[in-house]
Amino acid sequence: MRPQIWIGDVVRALEVARSEDEQIEVLRVLGFTTAAGAFVDDEPYPAPPLQVHSPSDDERAPQRIEHDPTGPDPDDEPDEEPTDPSTALAELPLLRPLRTETTGPVPDPIERLAPPTNERTVRPHLPLLVPHWTSAIIRAALAQPVDEGPIDIDALIEMLARGRPVIRLPRRPVRTLRYGVQVLVDRGSCMQPFRRDQNHLVAQIRSVVGHELVDVGYFSDAPQRGTGPGSRWTRTDYTPPTGGQRILLLSDLGLGGPPYVHGRSTPEEWEEFIALVTRAGCQPVALTPYPPTRWPFWMTALLPLVSWDRTTTTGQISARMP
């Protein structure tokens, strides 16, 4: 077996040798070659273990490459001949286009804002009621039942079976708007956010019922404080209509607004108002912009209430009307 002699030992020994003959002798003594330069044995020598070499300070310093002034300048050496792009493209096969399209001007990806002006832009109004249902909702809330429909056969047979005289033929009830309606609009501070909706609904009521059959009165917080056809100076003491008209209140009945708003209507005032119009033979109904979950018990027991909202339907109104 070969003794454990590493390649590093050979390198250090060769550095000490002063001539080529001594180097060959060192290699022979260490068992690497013979005097003729051949290997001592044919057995392969195991590879030395991997050793990490740490460079010294001299090796870390950058080495300066000295240029021979007599030799050629390396900067003057000719570069490789560049390839002509036209020659390289000429060798590529050309593809056949399927179609050719013309492109228009490229639009600006940023939408520019309009220049500022002094004009006031009014946004479109979105009413509280669904526009397609408004006419049906008005008819369901304002129409009054009258016995002018088809003959009630069941009631007629029962009268004959009991032996009662038929003085007048019984008829089924139908609803009509011919008696007209009085619309009382609350202009108090609590209803100020809904003023545009009030004006829009009054115009809708006139188009459905008829302009001559609609009497509009304006008040603040409670009708007893003064009601009139326009501004505050036109308002006087409230007087209920005659002929049994339907009275529609566009009010929150003191339900909305800040907790401590000045001049809020009280339940006692509304009880007084309902008693006044009921004695006159009128049927009141209130259209309030607040949901049923906020209605107090005294309000629901006092008069029929209708929610002034997008969820309002004719079925809900028919269920609350007497």
Protein backbone atom coordinates (compact mmCIF):
# COMPACT_ATOMS: atom_id res chain seq x y z
CA MET A 1 0.00 0.00 0.00
CA ARG A 2 1.12 3.51 -0.73
CA PRO A 3 2.00 5.56 2.37
CA GLN A 4 -0.28 8.47 3.32
CA ILE A 5 1.51 11.20 1.37
CA TRP A 6 -0.65 14.08 0.17
CA ILE A 7 -0.29 16.27 -2.85
CA GLY A 8 0.46 19.21 -0.58
CA ASP A 9 3.58 17.40 0.66
CA VAL A 10 4.70 16.96 -2.93
CA VAL A 11 4.16 20.63 -3.73
CA ARG A 12 6.18 21.77 -0.69
CA ALA A 13 8.99 19.34 -1.55
CA LEU A 14 9.13 20.55 -5.15
CA GLU A 15 9.44 24.13 -3.97
CA VAL A 16 12.56 23.21 -2.00
CA ALA A 17 14.26 21.35 -4.93
CA ARG A 18 16.84 23.45 -6.79
CA SER A 19 16.89 21.72 -10.16
CA GLU A 20 14.76 19.51 -12.38
CA ASP A 21 16.77 16.42 -11.46
CA GLU A 22 16.11 17.00 -7.79
CA GLN A 23 12.38 17.43 -8.51
CA ILE A 24 12.29 14.10 -10.36
CA GLU A 25 14.12 12.44 -7.51
CA VAL A 26 11.69 13.93 -5.00
CA LEU A 27 8.76 12.54 -6.97
CA ARG A 28 10.39 9.12 -7.11
CA VAL A 29 11.16 9.05 -3.40
CA LEU A 30 7.62 10.07 -2.55
CA GLY A 31 6.28 7.28 -4.78
CA PHE A 32 4.63 9.32 -7.49
CA THR A 33 6.93 8.65 -10.50
CA THR A 34 10.10 6.84 -11.46
CA ALA A 35 13.15 8.43 -12.90
CA ALA A 36 11.70 7.95 -16.37
CA GLY A 37 8.48 9.84 -15.40
CA ALA A 38 6.18 6.78 -15.22
CA PHE A 39 3.87 5.94 -12.31
CA VAL A 40 5.28 3.60 -9.70
CA ASP A 41 2.22 1.38 -9.72
CA ASP A 42 -0.96 1.15 -11.72
CA GLU A 43 -3.16 1.39 -8.65
CA PRO A 44 -5.12 4.66 -8.83
CA TYR A 45 -4.22 7.09 -6.11
CA PRO A 46 -7.20 8.16 -3.96
CA ALA A 47 -8.25 11.75 -4.41
CA PRO A 48 -7.19 13.99 -1.55
CA PRO A 49 -9.94 15.43 0.67
CA LEU A 50 -11.35 18.79 -0.29
CA GLN A 51 -9.58 21.56 1.58
CA VAL A 52 -10.78 25.16 1.69
CA HIS A 53 -7.95 27.50 0.86
CA SER A 54 -7.97 30.84 2.72
CA PRO A 55 -6.23 33.50 0.62
CA SER A 56 -3.48 35.47 2.26
CA ASP A 57 -3.24 39.25 2.40
CA ASP A 58 -0.95 39.26 -0.66
CA GLU A 59 -3.43 37.18 -2.64
CA ARG A 60 -6.34 39.46 -1.63
CA ALA A 61 -4.57 42.52 -3.03
CA PRO A 62 -5.42 43.21 -6.68
CA GLN A 63 -2.67 42.16 -9.03
CA ARG A 64 -1.42 44.72 -11.45
CA ILE A 65 -1.07 43.51 -15.01
CA GLU A 66 1.97 45.10 -16.56
CA HIS A 67 1.75 45.91 -20.22
CA ASP A 68 4.69 45.31 -22.45
CA PRO A 69 5.31 48.54 -24.36
CA THR A 70 7.04 46.65 -27.18
CA GLY A 71 4.09 44.28 -27.72
CA PRO A 72 0.84 45.05 -29.42
CA ASP A 73 -1.77 47.11 -27.58
CA PRO A 74 -4.62 44.88 -26.44
CA ASP A 75 -7.06 47.72 -27.07
CA ASP A 76 -5.99 47.73 -30.72
CA GLU A 77 -6.99 44.11 -31.26
CA PRO A 78 -9.75 43.91 -33.87
CA ASP A 79 -13.20 42.89 -32.61
CA GLU A 80 -15.20 40.12 -34.14
CA GLU A 81 -16.90 41.04 -37.35
CA PRO A 82 -20.53 42.10 -36.53
CA THR A 83 -23.34 40.21 -38.14
CA ASP A 84 -25.52 42.17 -40.55
CA PRO A 85 -29.16 42.15 -39.23
CA SER A 86 -30.57 42.28 -42.74
CA THR A 87 -28.64 39.15 -43.67
CA ALA A 88 -29.85 37.31 -40.56
CA LEU A 89 -33.49 38.31 -41.21
CA ALA A 90 -33.27 37.34 -44.87
CA GLU A 91 -32.57 33.75 -43.87
CA LEU A 92 -35.77 33.51 -41.73
CA PRO A 93 -38.97 32.19 -43.37
CA LEU A 94 -41.74 34.77 -43.74
CA LEU A 95 -45.18 34.07 -42.24
CA ARG A 96 -48.31 34.65 -44.26
CA PRO A 97 -50.70 37.13 -42.55
CA LEU A 98 -54.29 35.98 -42.01
CA ARG A 99 -55.89 39.43 -42.09
CA THR A 100 -54.99 43.08 -41.86
CA GLU A 101 -56.81 45.47 -39.51
CA THR A 102 -56.60 49.23 -39.34
CA THR A 103 -56.32 50.79 -35.90
CA GLY A 104 -57.89 54.11 -35.01
CA PRO A 105 -56.58 56.71 -32.62
CA VAL A 106 -55.68 55.39 -29.19
CA PRO A 107 -58.16 56.75 -26.60
CA ASP A 108 -56.92 58.59 -23.57
CA PRO A 109 -56.96 56.08 -20.65
CA ILE A 110 -57.64 58.89 -18.17
CA GLU A 111 -61.09 60.45 -18.33
CA ARG A 112 -60.62 64.17 -18.01
CA LEU A 113 -62.86 66.13 -15.66
CA ALA A 114 -65.06 68.87 -16.97
CA PRO A 115 -63.78 72.38 -16.31
CA PRO A 116 -65.35 74.03 -13.27
CA THR A 117 -68.29 76.34 -13.91
CA ASN A 118 -70.67 78.46 -11.87
CA GLU A 119 -73.68 76.39 -12.93
CA ARG A 120 -75.37 74.31 -10.24
CA THR A 121 -75.98 70.70 -11.26
CA VAL A 122 -79.18 69.20 -9.87
CA ARG A 123 -78.98 65.46 -9.43
CA PRO A 124 -81.94 63.34 -10.56
CA HIS A 125 -84.58 62.81 -7.90
CA LEU A 126 -85.12 59.26 -6.60
CA PRO A 127 -88.59 59.17 -4.99
CA LEU A 128 -89.25 57.13 -1.88
CA LEU A 129 -91.95 55.05 -3.60
CA VAL A 130 -91.25 52.81 -6.57
CA PRO A 131 -92.26 54.88 -9.64
CA HIS A 132 -94.11 51.99 -11.32
CA TRP A 133 -96.15 51.36 -8.14
CA THR A 134 -96.92 54.95 -7.15
CA SER A 135 -100.29 55.20 -8.91
CA ALA A 136 -101.52 51.92 -7.46
CA ILE A 137 -100.32 52.88 -3.98
CA ILE A 138 -102.13 56.24 -4.17
CA ARG A 139 -105.38 54.56 -5.23
CA ALA A 140 -105.13 51.95 -2.48
CA ALA A 141 -104.48 54.58 0.21
CA LEU A 142 -107.00 57.24 -0.88
CA ALA A 143 -109.93 55.38 -2.49
CA GLN A 144 -113.03 54.93 -0.32
CA PRO A 145 -115.36 51.90 -0.46
CA VAL A 146 -118.90 52.40 -1.74
CA ASP A 147 -121.71 49.86 -2.31
CA GLU A 148 -121.95 50.41 -6.04
CA GLY A 149 -120.47 47.20 -7.41
CA PRO A 150 -122.19 44.12 -8.85
CA ILE A 151 -125.23 42.68 -7.10
CA ASP A 152 -124.29 40.57 -4.10
CA ILE A 153 -126.10 37.34 -4.92
CA ASP A 154 -125.20 35.64 -1.64
CA ALA A 155 -126.59 38.53 0.44
CA LEU A 156 -129.77 38.62 -1.68
CA ILE A 157 -130.42 34.87 -1.22
CA GLU A 158 -129.92 35.20 2.52
CA MET A 159 -132.44 38.06 2.69
CA LEU A 160 -135.03 36.05 0.76
CA ALA A 161 -134.43 32.95 2.86
CA ARG A 162 -135.07 34.90 6.06
CA GLY A 163 -138.22 36.42 4.62
CA ARG A 164 -136.98 39.99 4.70
CA PRO A 165 -138.36 42.49 2.20
CA VAL A 166 -135.94 43.48 -0.56
CA ILE A 167 -136.16 47.25 -0.52
CA ARG A 168 -132.74 47.78 -2.12
CA LEU A 169 -130.59 45.30 -3.97
CA PRO A 170 -127.38 44.54 -2.07
CA ARG A 171 -124.26 45.31 -4.05
CA ARG A 172 -120.63 44.44 -3.58
CA PRO A 173 -118.34 47.28 -2.40
CA VAL A 174 -115.99 49.02 -4.83
CA ARG A 175 -113.45 51.76 -4.18
CA THR A 176 -113.67 55.23 -5.69
CA LEU A 177 -111.79 58.54 -5.66
CA ARG A 178 -114.70 60.79 -6.63
CA TYR A 179 -115.04 62.22 -3.12
CA GLY A 180 -111.62 63.81 -3.40
CA VAL A 181 -108.83 64.01 -0.83
CA GLN A 182 -107.26 66.58 1.43
CA VAL A 183 -103.45 66.35 1.58
CA LEU A 184 -101.85 67.90 4.68
CA VAL A 185 -98.10 68.42 4.21
CA ASP A 186 -95.90 68.77 7.27
CA ARG A 187 -93.27 71.52 6.71
CA GLY A 188 -91.74 71.24 10.18
CA SER A 189 -88.02 71.02 10.77
CA CYS A 190 -88.19 67.25 11.32
CA MET A 191 -89.60 66.70 7.81
CA GLN A 192 -87.18 69.03 6.05
CA PRO A 193 -85.07 66.18 4.55
CA PHE A 194 -88.22 64.88 2.78
CA ARG A 195 -89.45 68.18 1.33
CA ARG A 196 -88.56 67.25 -2.22
CA ASP A 197 -90.37 63.92 -1.85
CA GLN A 198 -93.43 65.73 -0.51
CA ASN A 199 -93.63 68.01 -3.55
CA HIS A 200 -93.16 65.08 -5.91
CA LEU A 201 -95.87 63.02 -4.24
CA VAL A 202 -98.37 65.90 -4.22
CA ALA A 203 -97.91 66.24 -7.99
CA GLN A 204 -98.45 62.47 -8.37
CA ILE A 205 -101.64 62.60 -6.28
CA ARG A 206 -103.05 65.41 -8.43
CA SER A 207 -102.34 63.44 -11.61
CA VAL A 208 -104.09 60.33 -10.26
CA VAL A 209 -107.06 61.81 -8.35
CA GLY A 210 -107.55 64.98 -10.39
CA HIS A 211 -106.46 68.53 -9.77
CA GLU A 212 -109.97 69.71 -8.84
CA LEU A 213 -110.45 66.95 -6.26
CA VAL A 214 -107.18 67.53 -4.35
CA ASP A 215 -107.01 70.13 -1.58
CA VAL A 216 -103.44 70.72 -0.34
CA GLY A 217 -102.71 72.35 3.01
CA TYR A 218 -99.35 73.04 4.65
CA PHE A 219 -98.60 73.09 8.38
CA SER A 220 -95.63 72.84 10.76
CA ASP A 221 -95.49 69.92 13.23
CA ALA A 222 -99.28 69.88 13.94
CA PRO A 223 -102.27 71.07 11.83
CA GLN A 224 -103.91 72.84 14.83
CA ARG A 225 -100.99 75.31 14.92
CA GLY A 226 -102.05 76.73 11.57
CA THR A 227 -102.80 75.28 8.14
CA GLY A 228 -102.87 77.06 4.80
CA PRO A 229 -102.33 76.65 1.05
CA GLY A 230 -98.83 78.15 1.05
CA SER A 231 -96.37 80.03 3.24
CA ARG A 232 -96.77 80.66 6.96
CA TRP A 233 -98.57 83.97 6.52
CA THR A 234 -101.42 82.15 4.69
CA ARG A 235 -102.06 79.69 7.52
CA THR A 236 -105.08 79.91 9.79
CA ASP A 237 -106.93 77.66 12.21
CA TYR A 238 -107.54 74.25 10.78
CA THR A 239 -111.06 73.28 9.70
CA PRO A 240 -111.79 69.69 8.54
CA PRO A 241 -113.37 69.24 5.10
CA THR A 242 -117.03 68.35 4.63
CA GLY A 243 -118.47 65.44 2.68
CA GLY A 244 -116.45 62.64 4.27
CA GLN A 245 -113.21 63.14 2.32
CA ARG A 246 -110.10 61.11 2.86
CA ILE A 247 -107.34 63.04 4.68
CA LEU A 248 -103.75 62.10 3.84
CA LEU A 249 -101.02 63.25 6.25
CA LEU A 250 -97.46 63.53 4.87
CA SER A 251 -95.83 63.74 8.28
CA ASP A 252 -93.71 61.82 10.78
CA LEU A 253 -96.23 62.62 13.57
CA GLY A 254 -93.38 63.89 15.73
CA LEU A 255 -91.34 60.70 15.36
CA GLY A 256 -88.23 61.98 13.54
CA GLY A 257 -85.69 64.72 14.07
CA PRO A 258 -83.19 65.29 16.91
CA PRO A 259 -84.19 64.10 20.40
CA TYR A 260 -84.62 67.61 21.83
CA VAL A 261 -85.91 69.53 18.81
CA HIS A 262 -87.91 72.63 19.63
CA GLY A 263 -91.62 72.57 18.75
CA ARG A 264 -92.00 68.84 18.21
CA SER A 265 -95.64 67.70 18.03
CA THR A 266 -97.00 65.67 20.93
CA PRO A 267 -99.27 62.60 20.99
CA GLU A 268 -101.95 64.68 22.69
CA GLU A 269 -102.06 67.08 19.73
CA TRP A 270 -102.52 64.21 17.27
CA GLU A 271 -105.23 62.62 19.40
CA GLU A 272 -107.04 65.95 19.34
CA PHE A 273 -106.65 66.23 15.56
CA ILE A 274 -107.92 62.68 14.87
CA ALA A 275 -110.96 63.26 17.09
CA LEU A 276 -111.69 66.51 15.22
CA VAL A 277 -111.64 64.98 11.71
CA THR A 278 -113.48 61.83 12.81
CA ARG A 279 -116.41 63.89 14.12
CA ALA A 280 -116.53 65.58 10.70
CA GLY A 281 -116.95 62.19 9.02
CA CYS A 282 -113.47 62.14 7.46
CA GLN A 283 -111.13 59.14 7.34
CA PRO A 284 -107.47 60.03 8.06
CA VAL A 285 -104.42 58.06 6.93
CA ALA A 286 -100.76 58.95 7.47
CA LEU A 287 -97.83 58.37 5.12
CA THR A 288 -94.67 58.41 7.26
CA PRO A 289 -91.06 57.99 6.04
CA TYR A 290 -90.10 55.73 8.94
CA PRO A 291 -90.41 51.91 9.05
CA PRO A 292 -93.04 50.09 11.15
CA THR A 293 -90.37 49.00 13.62
CA ARG A 294 -90.22 52.61 14.88
CA TRP A 295 -93.96 53.19 15.20
CA PRO A 296 -95.11 53.50 18.84
CA PHE A 297 -98.29 51.81 20.01
CA TRP A 298 -100.27 55.03 20.43
CA MET A 299 -99.59 55.92 16.79
CA THR A 300 -100.76 52.60 15.34
CA ALA A 301 -103.88 52.64 17.53
CA LEU A 302 -104.78 56.20 16.52
CA LEU A 303 -105.01 55.97 12.71
CA PRO A 304 -103.89 53.80 9.73
CA LEU A 305 -100.20 54.22 8.96
CA VAL A 306 -98.44 53.57 5.67
CA SER A 307 -94.66 53.27 5.37
CA TRP A 308 -93.30 55.78 2.86
CA ASP A 309 -90.54 53.60 1.47
CA ARG A 310 -89.44 51.52 -1.51
CA THR A 311 -90.71 48.37 0.18
CA THR A 312 -94.31 49.68 0.33
CA THR A 313 -96.82 47.66 -1.72
CA THR A 314 -100.56 47.86 -2.32
CA GLY A 315 -101.06 44.67 -0.34
CA GLN A 316 -99.56 46.23 2.77
CA ILE A 317 -101.81 49.26 2.41
CA SER A 318 -104.96 47.19 1.90
CA ALA A 319 -104.15 45.21 5.04
CA ARG A 320 -103.92 48.39 7.16
CA MET A 321 -106.89 50.29 5.72
CA PRO A 322 -110.31 49.87 7.44
